[in-house]
Amino acid sequence: MASRLVYCTPKGPLCFIDYLTVKDGRATLEQIRKAVRNSSLPKLYQFRLFEKLRTGLVKIDELVLPKFDTKSVSIFLDSLDRRTAQLT
């Protein structure tokens, strides 16, 4: 694992996907970023991208959303299918 994308709700981290490279994790985050609209509402949901280093995880990017967004979660979960296909 070279990167980890974590989906966080108002109650804390809900789930994560590990990617083989930082580029793969960043590509998924950018795809989500393009699919959602910015809003001035309070920010409650987040996608946080971390890079794995020898000493642990370091946050390198994040996307904050005002509400639950099914399109962004769908893109996030679809990236798991793509990652699994890379491993086989």
Protein backbone atom coordinates (compact mmCIF):
# COMPACT_ATOMS: atom_id res chain seq x y z
CA MET A 1 0.00 0.00 0.00
CA ALA A 2 1.39 3.38 -0.99
CA SER A 3 -1.74 5.43 -0.25
CA ARG A 4 -4.99 5.18 1.65
CA LEU A 5 -8.25 7.04 0.96
CA VAL A 6 -10.42 7.30 4.07
CA TYR A 7 -14.12 8.19 4.07
CA CYS A 8 -15.12 10.06 7.24
CA THR A 9 -18.61 10.84 8.54
CA PRO A 10 -19.59 13.23 11.33
CA LYS A 11 -19.11 10.33 13.78
CA GLY A 12 -15.59 9.53 12.57
CA PRO A 13 -13.83 7.39 9.94
CA LEU A 14 -16.19 4.89 8.33
CA CYS A 15 -14.04 2.96 5.84
CA PHE A 16 -10.89 3.15 3.74
CA ILE A 17 -9.35 1.76 0.58
CA ASP A 18 -5.63 1.12 0.17
CA TYR A 19 -4.08 1.80 -3.24
CA LEU A 20 -0.85 0.51 -4.74
CA THR A 21 0.39 4.03 -5.53
CA VAL A 22 -0.26 7.60 -4.44
CA LYS A 23 -1.21 8.31 -8.05
CA ASP A 24 -4.07 5.78 -7.87
CA GLY A 25 -5.44 7.26 -4.64
CA ARG A 26 -5.12 10.80 -5.95
CA ALA A 27 -6.87 9.85 -9.21
CA THR A 28 -9.87 8.53 -7.26
CA LEU A 29 -10.00 11.65 -5.09
CA GLU A 30 -9.85 13.89 -8.18
CA GLN A 31 -12.65 11.90 -9.80
CA ILE A 32 -14.78 12.46 -6.69
CA ARG A 33 -13.82 16.15 -6.60
CA LYS A 34 -15.02 16.63 -10.20
CA ALA A 35 -18.33 14.86 -9.47
CA VAL A 36 -19.41 16.92 -6.44
CA ARG A 37 -20.34 20.56 -6.13
CA ASN A 38 -18.89 22.95 -3.59
CA SER A 39 -21.26 24.48 -1.08
CA SER A 40 -21.13 27.02 1.71
CA LEU A 41 -22.97 24.65 4.05
CA PRO A 42 -21.14 23.23 7.09
CA LYS A 43 -18.64 20.57 6.08
CA LEU A 44 -19.50 17.21 7.63
CA TYR A 45 -18.23 14.41 5.36
CA GLN A 46 -14.65 14.01 4.19
CA PHE A 47 -12.41 11.99 1.94
CA ARG A 48 -8.84 12.10 3.26
CA LEU A 49 -5.90 10.86 1.21
CA PHE A 50 -2.85 9.57 3.08
CA GLU A 51 0.56 8.49 1.85
CA LYS A 52 2.24 5.57 3.56
CA LEU A 53 5.75 6.30 4.76
CA ARG A 54 8.06 4.18 6.88
CA THR A 55 7.02 6.14 9.94
CA GLY A 56 3.26 5.87 9.31
CA LEU A 57 0.54 7.67 7.37
CA VAL A 58 0.80 11.32 6.33
CA LYS A 59 -2.25 13.25 5.09
CA ILE A 60 -1.56 14.72 1.65
CA ASP A 61 -5.01 15.84 0.45
CA GLU A 62 -8.65 15.99 1.46
CA LEU A 63 -12.09 16.80 0.11
CA VAL A 64 -14.74 18.06 2.51
CA LEU A 65 -18.46 17.75 1.71
CA PRO A 66 -21.50 19.37 3.37
CA LYS A 67 -23.72 16.30 3.14
CA PHE A 68 -23.82 12.63 2.29
CA ASP A 69 -23.31 12.35 -1.46
CA THR A 70 -24.20 9.06 -3.14
CA LYS A 71 -22.23 9.85 -6.32
CA SER A 72 -18.99 10.41 -4.42
CA VAL A 73 -19.46 7.24 -2.36
CA SER A 74 -20.21 5.31 -5.55
CA ILE A 75 -16.97 6.52 -7.17
CA PHE A 76 -15.09 5.62 -3.98
CA LEU A 77 -16.50 2.09 -3.94
CA ASP A 78 -16.01 1.61 -7.70
CA SER A 79 -12.31 2.33 -7.17
CA LEU A 80 -12.18 -0.77 -5.00
CA ASP A 81 -13.32 -2.85 -7.98
CA ARG A 82 -10.59 -1.30 -10.16
CA ARG A 83 -7.97 -1.91 -7.46
CA THR A 84 -9.04 -5.55 -7.11
CA ALA A 85 -8.79 -6.01 -10.90
CA GLN A 86 -5.19 -4.71 -10.79
CA LEU A 87 -4.24 -7.35 -8.23
CA THR A 88 -5.56 -10.31 -10.24
